[in-house]
Amino acid sequence: MKIERINTTPRWSDATIYNGIAHFVEIAADEDADIVGQIKQVFEQADQTLALIGSNNSRLLSVTIYLKELQYLQLFNDMWEAWLPEGSAPSRACLKAELVDPRLLVEITFIAAVIE
């Protein structure tokens, strides 16, 4: 089976699709935004990536959420629940993490089913 890579650079691809499953990572484009702004950006960018690959946020299979500080967890959960369609929550892990860019407050890895 063919592996499809979208917007490939020497270090990453914006998304990788194999056998109807897409993998991608989102971080905030504006690293200087506050946590609310960064979460909104990540969700908006995820929506764009999902649309680009022929999917949507009801087709998420699994996510890993990296938060710089656990104090953001309740706020993140509230925004997460508002973003997801009812009944479509994927499996997920959430970790406190030291992100490479110290201005980043959240990073999410996504695995999603592509609509066939």
PDB file of N, CA and C in Angstrom:
ATOM      1  N   MET A   1       0.836  -1.183   0.000  1.00  0.00           N
ATOM      2  CA  MET A   1       0.000   0.000   0.000  1.00  0.00           C
ATOM      3  C   MET A   1       0.883   1.249   0.000  1.00  0.00           C
ATOM      4  N   LYS A   2       0.393   2.268  -0.657  1.00  0.00           N
ATOM      5  CA  LYS A   2       1.128   3.511  -0.816  1.00  0.00           C
ATOM      6  C   LYS A   2       1.005   4.383   0.442  1.00  0.00           C
ATOM      7  N   ILE A   3       2.108   5.021   0.829  1.00  0.00           N
ATOM      8  CA  ILE A   3       2.105   6.025   1.890  1.00  0.00           C
ATOM      9  C   ILE A   3       2.019   7.387   1.214  1.00  0.00           C
ATOM     10  N   GLU A   4       1.050   8.194   1.620  1.00  0.00           N
ATOM     11  CA  GLU A   4       0.904   9.546   1.075  1.00  0.00           C
ATOM     12  C   GLU A   4       1.402  10.540   2.113  1.00  0.00           C
ATOM     13  N   ARG A   5       2.296  11.419   1.691  1.00  0.00           N
ATOM     14  CA  ARG A   5       2.840  12.457   2.576  1.00  0.00           C
ATOM     15  C   ARG A   5       2.430  13.816   2.013  1.00  0.00           C
ATOM     16  N   ILE A   6       1.871  14.663   2.870  1.00  0.00           N
ATOM     17  CA  ILE A   6       1.373  15.967   2.445  1.00  0.00           C
ATOM     18  C   ILE A   6       2.308  17.060   2.948  1.00  0.00           C
ATOM     19  N   ASN A   7       2.699  17.947   2.033  1.00  0.00           N
ATOM     20  CA  ASN A   7       3.581  19.079   2.348  1.00  0.00           C
ATOM     21  C   ASN A   7       4.834  18.622   3.084  1.00  0.00           C
ATOM     22  N   THR A   8       5.582  17.762   2.439  1.00  0.00           N
ATOM     23  CA  THR A   8       6.789  17.199   3.028  1.00  0.00           C
ATOM     24  C   THR A   8       7.931  18.208   3.033  1.00  0.00           C
ATOM     25  N   THR A   9       8.647  18.258   4.149  1.00  0.00           N
ATOM     26  CA  THR A   9       9.871  19.045   4.292  1.00  0.00           C
ATOM     27  C   THR A   9      10.982  18.063   4.665  1.00  0.00           C
ATOM     28  N   PRO A  10      12.212  18.527   4.781  1.00  0.00           N
ATOM     29  CA  PRO A  10      13.278  17.609   5.198  1.00  0.00           C
ATOM     30  C   PRO A  10      13.054  17.003   6.592  1.00  0.00           C
ATOM     31  N   ARG A  11      12.259  17.674   7.452  1.00  0.00           N
ATOM     32  CA  ARG A  11      12.082  17.190   8.822  1.00  0.00           C
ATOM     33  C   ARG A  11      10.718  16.584   9.117  1.00  0.00           C
ATOM     34  N   TRP A  12       9.685  16.933   8.370  1.00  0.00           N
ATOM     35  CA  TRP A  12       8.354  16.413   8.655  1.00  0.00           C
ATOM     36  C   TRP A  12       7.447  16.561   7.453  1.00  0.00           C
ATOM     37  N   SER A  13       6.307  15.920   7.549  1.00  0.00           N
ATOM     38  CA  SER A  13       5.207  16.126   6.607  1.00  0.00           C
ATOM     39  C   SER A  13       4.047  16.682   7.415  1.00  0.00           C
ATOM     40  N   ASP A  14       3.226  17.524   6.796  1.00  0.00           N
ATOM     41  CA  ASP A  14       2.064  18.060   7.511  1.00  0.00           C
ATOM     42  C   ASP A  14       1.107  16.948   7.909  1.00  0.00           C
ATOM     43  N   ALA A  15       1.021  15.919   7.079  1.00  0.00           N
ATOM     44  CA  ALA A  15       0.196  14.748   7.399  1.00  0.00           C
ATOM     45  C   ALA A  15       0.753  13.562   6.623  1.00  0.00           C
ATOM     46  N   THR A  16       0.580  12.394   7.203  1.00  0.00           N
ATOM     47  CA  THR A  16       0.967  11.149   6.553  1.00  0.00           C
ATOM     48  C   THR A  16      -0.241  10.226   6.577  1.00  0.00           C
ATOM     49  N   ILE A  17      -0.571   9.669   5.411  1.00  0.00           N
ATOM     50  CA  ILE A  17      -1.754   8.814   5.305  1.00  0.00           C
ATOM     51  C   ILE A  17      -1.318   7.446   4.809  1.00  0.00           C
ATOM     52  N   TYR A  18      -1.801   6.431   5.505  1.00  0.00           N
ATOM     53  CA  TYR A  18      -1.522   5.052   5.107  1.00  0.00           C
ATOM     54  C   TYR A  18      -2.743   4.203   5.424  1.00  0.00           C
ATOM     55  N   ASN A  19      -3.206   3.471   4.440  1.00  0.00           N
ATOM     56  CA  ASN A  19      -4.310   2.532   4.635  1.00  0.00           C
ATOM     57  C   ASN A  19      -5.553   3.192   5.256  1.00  0.00           C
ATOM     58  N   GLY A  20      -5.862   4.421   4.817  1.00  0.00           N
ATOM     59  CA  GLY A  20      -7.056   5.119   5.287  1.00  0.00           C
ATOM     60  C   GLY A  20      -6.936   5.760   6.654  1.00  0.00           C
ATOM     61  N   ILE A  21      -5.711   5.769   7.214  1.00  0.00           N
ATOM     62  CA  ILE A  21      -5.474   6.373   8.524  1.00  0.00           C
ATOM     63  C   ILE A  21      -4.470   7.505   8.362  1.00  0.00           C
ATOM     64  N   ALA A  22      -4.798   8.673   8.896  1.00  0.00           N
ATOM     65  CA  ALA A  22      -3.931   9.846   8.805  1.00  0.00           C
ATOM     66  C   ALA A  22      -3.306  10.148  10.160  1.00  0.00           C
ATOM     67  N   HIS A  23      -2.053  10.562  10.108  1.00  0.00           N
ATOM     68  CA  HIS A  23      -1.305  10.980  11.297  1.00  0.00           C
ATOM     69  C   HIS A  23      -0.824  12.404  11.056  1.00  0.00           C
ATOM     70  N   PHE A  24      -1.016  13.281  12.049  1.00  0.00           N
ATOM     71  CA  PHE A  24      -0.500  14.641  11.923  1.00  0.00           C
ATOM     72  C   PHE A  24      -0.374  15.283  13.298  1.00  0.00           C
ATOM     73  N   VAL A  25       0.381  16.366  13.343  1.00  0.00           N
ATOM     74  CA  VAL A  25       0.666  17.084  14.586  1.00  0.00           C
ATOM     75  C   VAL A  25       0.334  18.550  14.371  1.00  0.00           C
ATOM     76  N   GLU A  26      -0.227  19.170  15.388  1.00  0.00           N
ATOM     77  CA  GLU A  26      -0.513  20.608  15.306  1.00  0.00           C
ATOM     78  C   GLU A  26       0.067  21.334  16.520  1.00  0.00           C
ATOM     79  N   ILE A  27       0.674  22.490  16.236  1.00  0.00           N
ATOM     80  CA  ILE A  27       1.100  23.436  17.256  1.00  0.00           C
ATOM     81  C   ILE A  27       0.571  24.804  16.835  1.00  0.00           C
ATOM     82  N   ALA A  28       0.551  25.738  17.757  1.00  0.00           N
ATOM     83  CA  ALA A  28       0.064  27.086  17.437  1.00  0.00           C
ATOM     84  C   ALA A  28       1.020  27.777  16.476  1.00  0.00           C
ATOM     85  N   ALA A  29       0.465  28.448  15.485  1.00  0.00           N
ATOM     86  CA  ALA A  29       1.276  29.235  14.554  1.00  0.00           C
ATOM     87  C   ALA A  29       1.813  30.491  15.245  1.00  0.00           C
ATOM     88  N   ASP A  30       1.037  31.055  16.158  1.00  0.00           N
ATOM     89  CA  ASP A  30       1.445  32.237  16.927  1.00  0.00           C
ATOM     90  C   ASP A  30       1.850  31.776  18.320  1.00  0.00           C
ATOM     91  N   GLU A  31       3.142  31.542  18.490  1.00  0.00           N
ATOM     92  CA  GLU A  31       3.647  31.036  19.764  1.00  0.00           C
ATOM     93  C   GLU A  31       3.507  32.033  20.904  1.00  0.00           C
ATOM     94  N   ASP A  32       3.235  33.283  20.585  1.00  0.00           N
ATOM     95  CA  ASP A  32       3.114  34.301  21.628  1.00  0.00           C
ATOM     96  C   ASP A  32       1.683  34.463  22.137  1.00  0.00           C
ATOM     97  N   ALA A  33       0.734  33.728  21.557  1.00  0.00           N
ATOM     98  CA  ALA A  33      -0.656  33.777  22.034  1.00  0.00           C
ATOM     99  C   ALA A  33      -0.739  33.115  23.410  1.00  0.00           C
ATOM    100  N   ASP A  34      -1.768  33.500  24.180  1.00  0.00           N
ATOM    101  CA  ASP A  34      -1.982  32.852  25.479  1.00  0.00           C
ATOM    102  C   ASP A  34      -2.537  31.452  25.256  1.00  0.00           C
ATOM    103  N   ILE A  35      -2.780  30.713  26.327  1.00  0.00           N
ATOM    104  CA  ILE A  35      -3.206  29.323  26.204  1.00  0.00           C
ATOM    105  C   ILE A  35      -4.517  29.203  25.430  1.00  0.00           C
ATOM    106  N   VAL A  36      -5.475  30.093  25.679  1.00  0.00           N
ATOM    107  CA  VAL A  36      -6.747  30.034  24.942  1.00  0.00           C
ATOM    108  C   VAL A  36      -6.496  30.231  23.457  1.00  0.00           C
ATOM    109  N   GLY A  37      -5.689  31.217  23.112  1.00  0.00           N
ATOM    110  CA  GLY A  37      -5.379  31.477  21.715  1.00  0.00           C
ATOM    111  C   GLY A  37      -4.651  30.315  21.062  1.00  0.00           C
ATOM    112  N   GLN A  38      -3.721  29.701  21.790  1.00  0.00           N
ATOM    113  CA  GLN A  38      -2.990  28.574  21.212  1.00  0.00           C
ATOM    114  C   GLN A  38      -3.903  27.362  21.014  1.00  0.00           C
ATOM    115  N   ILE A  39      -4.767  27.091  21.971  1.00  0.00           N
ATOM    116  CA  ILE A  39      -5.699  25.967  21.818  1.00  0.00           C
ATOM    117  C   ILE A  39      -6.615  26.203  20.617  1.00  0.00           C
ATOM    118  N   LYS A  40      -7.159  27.412  20.503  1.00  0.00           N
ATOM    119  CA  LYS A  40      -8.022  27.739  19.361  1.00  0.00           C
ATOM    120  C   LYS A  40      -7.281  27.539  18.046  1.00  0.00           C
ATOM    121  N   GLN A  41      -6.039  28.003  17.984  1.00  0.00           N
ATOM    122  CA  GLN A  41      -5.255  27.855  16.765  1.00  0.00           C
ATOM    123  C   GLN A  41      -5.042  26.382  16.421  1.00  0.00           C
ATOM    124  N   VAL A  42      -4.712  25.580  17.423  1.00  0.00           N
ATOM    125  CA  VAL A  42      -4.478  24.158  17.174  1.00  0.00           C
ATOM    126  C   VAL A  42      -5.747  23.499  16.641  1.00  0.00           C
ATOM    127  N   PHE A  43      -6.898  23.817  17.230  1.00  0.00           N
ATOM    128  CA  PHE A  43      -8.162  23.228  16.751  1.00  0.00           C
ATOM    129  C   PHE A  43      -8.484  23.703  15.338  1.00  0.00           C
ATOM    130  N   GLU A  44      -8.285  24.998  15.054  1.00  0.00           N
ATOM    131  CA  GLU A  44      -8.547  25.522  13.713  1.00  0.00           C
ATOM    132  C   GLU A  44      -7.625  24.866  12.692  1.00  0.00           C
ATOM    133  N   GLN A  45      -6.354  24.728  13.030  1.00  0.00           N
ATOM    134  CA  GLN A  45      -5.401  24.094  12.121  1.00  0.00           C
ATOM    135  C   GLN A  45      -5.742  22.619  11.937  1.00  0.00           C
ATOM    136  N   ALA A  46      -6.174  21.959  13.006  1.00  0.00           N
ATOM    137  CA  ALA A  46      -6.581  20.552  12.882  1.00  0.00           C
ATOM    138  C   ALA A  46      -7.775  20.431  11.952  1.00  0.00           C
ATOM    139  N   ASP A  47      -8.746  21.343  12.084  1.00  0.00           N
ATOM    140  CA  ASP A  47      -9.897  21.330  11.178  1.00  0.00           C
ATOM    141  C   ASP A  47      -9.437  21.474   9.719  1.00  0.00           C
ATOM    142  N   GLN A  48      -8.485  22.354   9.480  1.00  0.00           N
ATOM    143  CA  GLN A  48      -7.974  22.561   8.121  1.00  0.00           C
ATOM    144  C   GLN A  48      -7.262  21.317   7.600  1.00  0.00           C
ATOM    145  N   THR A  49      -6.430  20.717   8.446  1.00  0.00           N
ATOM    146  CA  THR A  49      -5.714  19.509   8.024  1.00  0.00           C
ATOM    147  C   THR A  49      -6.696  18.377   7.772  1.00  0.00           C
ATOM    148  N   LEU A  50      -7.664  18.220   8.664  1.00  0.00           N
ATOM    149  CA  LEU A  50      -8.669  17.168   8.486  1.00  0.00           C
ATOM    150  C   LEU A  50      -9.433  17.363   7.174  1.00  0.00           C
ATOM    151  N   ALA A  51      -9.819  18.595   6.862  1.00  0.00           N
ATOM    152  CA  ALA A  51     -10.520  18.862   5.601  1.00  0.00           C
ATOM    153  C   ALA A  51      -9.620  18.551   4.406  1.00  0.00           C
ATOM    154  N   LEU A  52      -8.343  18.913   4.513  1.00  0.00           N
ATOM    155  CA  LEU A  52      -7.389  18.665   3.434  1.00  0.00           C
ATOM    156  C   LEU A  52      -7.247  17.175   3.131  1.00  0.00           C
ATOM    157  N   ILE A  53      -7.319  16.347   4.158  1.00  0.00           N
ATOM    158  CA  ILE A  53      -7.142  14.907   3.957  1.00  0.00           C
ATOM    159  C   ILE A  53      -8.469  14.178   3.759  1.00  0.00           C
ATOM    160  N   GLY A  54      -9.558  14.925   3.741  1.00  0.00           N
ATOM    161  CA  GLY A  54     -10.853  14.301   3.520  1.00  0.00           C
ATOM    162  C   GLY A  54     -11.412  13.671   4.788  1.00  0.00           C
ATOM    163  N   SER A  55     -11.326  14.395   5.897  1.00  0.00           N
ATOM    164  CA  SER A  55     -11.838  13.882   7.165  1.00  0.00           C
ATOM    165  C   SER A  55     -12.407  15.040   7.965  1.00  0.00           C
ATOM    166  N   ASN A  56     -12.760  14.782   9.209  1.00  0.00           N
ATOM    167  CA  ASN A  56     -13.243  15.832  10.109  1.00  0.00           C
ATOM    168  C   ASN A  56     -13.063  15.365  11.545  1.00  0.00           C
ATOM    169  N   ASN A  57     -13.388  16.235  12.506  1.00  0.00           N
ATOM    170  CA  ASN A  57     -13.083  15.906  13.905  1.00  0.00           C
ATOM    171  C   ASN A  57     -14.000  14.842  14.496  1.00  0.00           C
ATOM    172  N   SER A  58     -14.998  14.396  13.779  1.00  0.00           N
ATOM    173  CA  SER A  58     -15.794  13.260  14.250  1.00  0.00           C
ATOM    174  C   SER A  58     -15.123  11.932  13.887  1.00  0.00           C
ATOM    175  N   ARG A  59     -14.035  11.997  13.101  1.00  0.00           N
ATOM    176  CA  ARG A  59     -13.333  10.799  12.634  1.00  0.00           C
ATOM    177  C   ARG A  59     -11.997  10.586  13.345  1.00  0.00           C
ATOM    178  N   LEU A  60     -11.768  11.320  14.451  1.00  0.00           N
ATOM    179  CA  LEU A  60     -10.531  11.132  15.201  1.00  0.00           C
ATOM    180  C   LEU A  60     -10.542   9.774  15.884  1.00  0.00           C
ATOM    181  N   LEU A  61      -9.427   9.084  15.816  1.00  0.00           N
ATOM    182  CA  LEU A  61      -9.293   7.775  16.445  1.00  0.00           C
ATOM    183  C   LEU A  61      -8.534   7.859  17.764  1.00  0.00           C
ATOM    184  N   SER A  62      -7.489   8.684  17.780  1.00  0.00           N
ATOM    185  CA  SER A  62      -6.650   8.803  18.965  1.00  0.00           C
ATOM    186  C   SER A  62      -5.907  10.127  18.921  1.00  0.00           C
ATOM    187  N   VAL A  63      -5.655  10.699  20.085  1.00  0.00           N
ATOM    188  CA  VAL A  63      -4.852  11.915  20.178  1.00  0.00           C
ATOM    189  C   VAL A  63      -3.920  11.801  21.388  1.00  0.00           C
ATOM    190  N   THR A  64      -2.799  12.493  21.280  1.00  0.00           N
ATOM    191  CA  THR A  64      -1.920  12.693  22.429  1.00  0.00           C
ATOM    192  C   THR A  64      -1.756  14.189  22.591  1.00  0.00           C
ATOM    193  N   ILE A  65      -2.086  14.664  23.778  1.00  0.00           N
ATOM    194  CA  ILE A  65      -2.072  16.091  24.083  1.00  0.00           C
ATOM    195  C   ILE A  65      -0.881  16.366  24.989  1.00  0.00           C
ATOM    196  N   TYR A  66      -0.079  17.347  24.609  1.00  0.00           N
ATOM    197  CA  TYR A  66       1.069  17.758  25.404  1.00  0.00           C
ATOM    198  C   TYR A  66       0.796  19.176  25.908  1.00  0.00           C
ATOM    199  N   LEU A  67       0.694  19.324  27.212  1.00  0.00           N
ATOM    200  CA  LEU A  67       0.477  20.636  27.821  1.00  0.00           C
ATOM    201  C   LEU A  67       1.730  21.051  28.582  1.00  0.00           C
ATOM    202  N   LYS A  68       2.116  22.298  28.430  1.00  0.00           N
ATOM    203  CA  LYS A  68       3.287  22.790  29.149  1.00  0.00           C
ATOM    204  C   LYS A  68       3.041  22.779  30.652  1.00  0.00           C
ATOM    205  N   GLU A  69       1.822  23.100  31.050  1.00  0.00           N
ATOM    206  CA  GLU A  69       1.466  23.148  32.477  1.00  0.00           C
ATOM    207  C   GLU A  69       0.139  22.438  32.687  1.00  0.00           C
ATOM    208  N   LEU A  70       0.060  21.624  33.709  1.00  0.00           N
ATOM    209  CA  LEU A  70      -1.198  20.918  34.002  1.00  0.00           C
ATOM    210  C   LEU A  70      -2.292  21.855  34.497  1.00  0.00           C
ATOM    211  N   GLN A  71      -1.934  23.056  34.909  1.00  0.00           N
ATOM    212  CA  GLN A  71      -2.960  24.034  35.304  1.00  0.00           C
ATOM    213  C   GLN A  71      -3.884  24.369  34.139  1.00  0.00           C
ATOM    214  N   TYR A  72      -3.463  24.078  32.902  1.00  0.00           N
ATOM    215  CA  TYR A  72      -4.287  24.343  31.721  1.00  0.00           C
ATOM    216  C   TYR A  72      -5.262  23.212  31.420  1.00  0.00           C
ATOM    217  N   LEU A  73      -5.187  22.120  32.153  1.00  0.00           N
ATOM    218  CA  LEU A  73      -5.963  20.929  31.790  1.00  0.00           C
ATOM    219  C   LEU A  73      -7.469  21.166  31.797  1.00  0.00           C
ATOM    220  N   GLN A  74      -8.023  21.782  32.830  1.00  0.00           N
ATOM    221  CA  GLN A  74      -9.473  21.974  32.868  1.00  0.00           C
ATOM    222  C   GLN A  74      -9.938  22.892  31.735  1.00  0.00           C
ATOM    223  N   LEU A  75      -9.213  23.963  31.503  1.00  0.00           N
ATOM    224  CA  LEU A  75      -9.535  24.860  30.393  1.00  0.00           C
ATOM    225  C   LEU A  75      -9.452  24.101  29.072  1.00  0.00           C
ATOM    226  N   PHE A  76      -8.379  23.329  28.890  1.00  0.00           N
ATOM    227  CA  PHE A  76      -8.247  22.537  27.674  1.00  0.00           C
ATOM    228  C   PHE A  76      -9.433  21.599  27.517  1.00  0.00           C
ATOM    229  N   ASN A  77      -9.776  20.866  28.584  1.00  0.00           N
ATOM    230  CA  ASN A  77     -10.893  19.916  28.515  1.00  0.00           C
ATOM    231  C   ASN A  77     -12.197  20.603  28.134  1.00  0.00           C
ATOM    232  N   ASP A  78     -12.455  21.790  28.685  1.00  0.00           N
ATOM    233  CA  ASP A  78     -13.679  22.525  28.345  1.00  0.00           C
ATOM    234  C   ASP A  78     -13.699  22.883  26.859  1.00  0.00           C
ATOM    235  N   MET A  79     -12.571  23.369  26.352  1.00  0.00           N
ATOM    236  CA  MET A  79     -12.503  23.747  24.941  1.00  0.00           C
ATOM    237  C   MET A  79     -12.552  22.504  24.051  1.00  0.00           C
ATOM    238  N   TRP A  80     -11.934  21.427  24.474  1.00  0.00           N
ATOM    239  CA  TRP A  80     -11.929  20.160  23.739  1.00  0.00           C
ATOM    240  C   TRP A  80     -13.350  19.644  23.579  1.00  0.00           C
ATOM    241  N   GLU A  81     -14.093  19.618  24.686  1.00  0.00           N
ATOM    242  CA  GLU A  81     -15.464  19.107  24.652  1.00  0.00           C
ATOM    243  C   GLU A  81     -16.360  19.975  23.776  1.00  0.00           C
ATOM    244  N   ALA A  82     -16.119  21.278  23.753  1.00  0.00           N
ATOM    245  CA  ALA A  82     -16.896  22.175  22.892  1.00  0.00           C
ATOM    246  C   ALA A  82     -16.535  21.974  21.417  1.00  0.00           C
ATOM    247  N   TRP A  83     -15.295  21.607  21.127  1.00  0.00           N
ATOM    248  CA  TRP A  83     -14.834  21.432  19.741  1.00  0.00           C
ATOM    249  C   TRP A  83     -15.296  20.114  19.137  1.00  0.00           C
ATOM    250  N   LEU A  84     -15.342  19.073  19.937  1.00  0.00           N
ATOM    251  CA  LEU A  84     -15.698  17.753  19.408  1.00  0.00           C
ATOM    252  C   LEU A  84     -17.203  17.586  19.244  1.00  0.00           C
ATOM    253  N   PRO A  85     -17.649  16.963  18.164  1.00  0.00           N
ATOM    254  CA  PRO A  85     -19.067  16.616  18.046  1.00  0.00           C
ATOM    255  C   PRO A  85     -19.431  15.602  19.143  1.00  0.00           C
ATOM    256  N   GLU A  86     -20.632  15.715  19.656  1.00  0.00           N
ATOM    257  CA  GLU A  86     -21.081  14.821  20.728  1.00  0.00           C
ATOM    258  C   GLU A  86     -20.962  13.365  20.301  1.00  0.00           C
ATOM    259  N   GLY A  87     -20.459  12.544  21.211  1.00  0.00           N
ATOM    260  CA  GLY A  87     -20.349  11.115  20.962  1.00  0.00           C
ATOM    261  C   GLY A  87     -19.183  10.691  20.095  1.00  0.00           C
ATOM    262  N   SER A  88     -18.249  11.601  19.819  1.00  0.00           N
ATOM    263  CA  SER A  88     -17.146  11.245  18.917  1.00  0.00           C
ATOM    264  C   SER A  88     -15.768  11.396  19.556  1.00  0.00           C
ATOM    265  N   ALA A  89     -15.699  11.387  20.872  1.00  0.00           N
ATOM    266  CA  ALA A  89     -14.396  11.544  21.536  1.00  0.00           C
ATOM    267  C   ALA A  89     -13.490  10.362  21.212  1.00  0.00           C
ATOM    268  N   PRO A  90     -12.254  10.637  20.783  1.00  0.00           N
ATOM    269  CA  PRO A  90     -11.305   9.560  20.493  1.00  0.00           C
ATOM    270  C   PRO A  90     -10.634   9.078  21.778  1.00  0.00           C
ATOM    271  N   SER A  91      -9.879   7.993  21.686  1.00  0.00           N
ATOM    272  CA  SER A  91      -9.016   7.651  22.810  1.00  0.00           C
ATOM    273  C   SER A  91      -7.970   8.755  22.905  1.00  0.00           C
ATOM    274  N   ARG A  92      -7.461   8.994  24.123  1.00  0.00           N
ATOM    275  CA  ARG A  92      -6.495  10.081  24.240  1.00  0.00           C
ATOM    276  C   ARG A  92      -5.587   9.886  25.435  1.00  0.00           C
ATOM    277  N   ALA A  93      -4.433  10.506  25.327  1.00  0.00           N
ATOM    278  CA  ALA A  93      -3.494  10.619  26.431  1.00  0.00           C
ATOM    279  C   ALA A  93      -3.179  12.093  26.583  1.00  0.00           C
ATOM    280  N   CYS A  94      -2.922  12.519  27.795  1.00  0.00           N
ATOM    281  CA  CYS A  94      -2.589  13.916  28.052  1.00  0.00           C
ATOM    282  C   CYS A  94      -1.387  13.936  29.000  1.00  0.00           C
ATOM    283  N   LEU A  95      -0.359  14.660  28.603  1.00  0.00           N
ATOM    284  CA  LEU A  95       0.873  14.694  29.378  1.00  0.00           C
ATOM    285  C   LEU A  95       1.329  16.117  29.627  1.00  0.00           C
ATOM    286  N   LYS A  96       1.962  16.331  30.762  1.00  0.00           N
ATOM    287  CA  LYS A  96       2.698  17.570  30.981  1.00  0.00           C
ATOM    288  C   LYS A  96       4.027  17.380  30.280  1.00  0.00           C
ATOM    289  N   ALA A  97       4.415  18.350  29.441  1.00  0.00           N
ATOM    290  CA  ALA A  97       5.614  18.167  28.633  1.00  0.00           C
ATOM    291  C   ALA A  97       6.397  19.466  28.504  1.00  0.00           C
ATOM    292  N   GLU A  98       7.692  19.310  28.425  1.00  0.00           N
ATOM    293  CA  GLU A  98       8.558  20.428  28.094  1.00  0.00           C
ATOM    294  C   GLU A  98       8.648  20.458  26.572  1.00  0.00           C
ATOM    295  N   LEU A  99       7.997  21.432  25.957  1.00  0.00           N
ATOM    296  CA  LEU A  99       7.970  21.516  24.502  1.00  0.00           C
ATOM    297  C   LEU A  99       9.243  22.198  24.001  1.00  0.00           C
ATOM    298  N   VAL A 100       9.638  21.899  22.782  1.00  0.00           N
ATOM    299  CA  VAL A 100      10.914  22.375  22.247  1.00  0.00           C
ATOM    300  C   VAL A 100      10.992  23.904  22.254  1.00  0.00           C
ATOM    301  N   ASP A 101       9.934  24.567  21.812  1.00  0.00           N
ATOM    302  CA  ASP A 101       9.882  26.032  21.849  1.00  0.00           C
ATOM    303  C   ASP A 101       9.240  26.415  23.181  1.00  0.00           C
ATOM    304  N   PRO A 102       9.937  27.115  24.058  1.00  0.00           N
ATOM    305  CA  PRO A 102       9.380  27.429  25.378  1.00  0.00           C
ATOM    306  C   PRO A 102       8.132  28.309  25.338  1.00  0.00           C
ATOM    307  N   ARG A 103       7.855  28.938  24.200  1.00  0.00           N
ATOM    308  CA  ARG A 103       6.636  29.744  24.082  1.00  0.00           C
ATOM    309  C   ARG A 103       5.411  28.884  23.793  1.00  0.00           C
ATOM    310  N   LEU A 104       5.614  27.658  23.317  1.00  0.00           N
ATOM    311  CA  LEU A 104       4.491  26.769  23.032  1.00  0.00           C
ATOM    312  C   LEU A 104       3.890  26.254  24.329  1.00  0.00           C
ATOM    313  N   LEU A 105       2.563  26.270  24.394  1.00  0.00           N
ATOM    314  CA  LEU A 105       1.845  25.840  25.589  1.00  0.00           C
ATOM    315  C   LEU A 105       1.089  24.548  25.373  1.00  0.00           C
ATOM    316  N   VAL A 106       0.858  24.177  24.101  1.00  0.00           N
ATOM    317  CA  VAL A 106       0.103  22.962  23.774  1.00  0.00           C
ATOM    318  C   VAL A 106       0.561  22.428  22.420  1.00  0.00           C
ATOM    319  N   GLU A 107       0.583  21.118  22.317  1.00  0.00           N
ATOM    320  CA  GLU A 107       0.867  20.426  21.061  1.00  0.00           C
ATOM    321  C   GLU A 107       0.007  19.168  21.061  1.00  0.00           C
ATOM    322  N   ILE A 108      -0.555  18.832  19.915  1.00  0.00           N
ATOM    323  CA  ILE A 108      -1.415  17.642  19.838  1.00  0.00           C
ATOM    324  C   ILE A 108      -1.017  16.798  18.637  1.00  0.00           C
ATOM    325  N   THR A 109      -0.861  15.496  18.862  1.00  0.00           N
ATOM    326  CA  THR A 109      -0.705  14.554  17.760  1.00  0.00           C
ATOM    327  C   THR A 109      -2.066  13.905  17.528  1.00  0.00           C
ATOM    328  N   PHE A 110      -2.441  13.805  16.273  1.00  0.00           N
ATOM    329  CA  PHE A 110      -3.750  13.283  15.882  1.00  0.00           C
ATOM    330  C   PHE A 110      -3.599  12.034  15.026  1.00  0.00           C
ATOM    331  N   ILE A 111      -4.498  11.092  15.204  1.00  0.00           N
ATOM    332  CA  ILE A 111      -4.671   9.967  14.297  1.00  0.00           C
ATOM    333  C   ILE A 111      -6.154   9.974  13.928  1.00  0.00           C
ATOM    334  N   ALA A 112      -6.430   9.991  12.627  1.00  0.00           N
ATOM    335  CA  ALA A 112      -7.812  10.113  12.166  1.00  0.00           C
ATOM    336  C   ALA A 112      -8.084   9.169  10.997  1.00  0.00           C
ATOM    337  N   ALA A 113      -9.313   8.718  10.912  1.00  0.00           N
ATOM    338  CA  ALA A 113      -9.752   7.936   9.763  1.00  0.00           C
ATOM    339  C   ALA A 113     -10.099   8.895   8.631  1.00  0.00           C
ATOM    340  N   VAL A 114      -9.635   8.558   7.441  1.00  0.00           N
ATOM    341  CA  VAL A 114      -9.961   9.338   6.257  1.00  0.00           C
ATOM    342  C   VAL A 114     -11.306   8.850   5.747  1.00  0.00           C
ATOM    343  N   ILE A 115     -12.180   9.759   5.356  1.00  0.00           N
ATOM    344  CA  ILE A 115     -13.492   9.391   4.845  1.00  0.00           C
ATOM    345  C   ILE A 115     -13.311   8.764   3.466  1.00  0.00           C
ATOM    346  N   GLU A 116     -13.883   7.597   3.289  1.00  0.00           N
ATOM    347  CA  GLU A 116     -13.722   6.917   2.007  1.00  0.00           C
ATOM    348  C   GLU A 116     -14.974   7.010   1.180  1.00  0.00           C
TER     349      GLU A 116
END
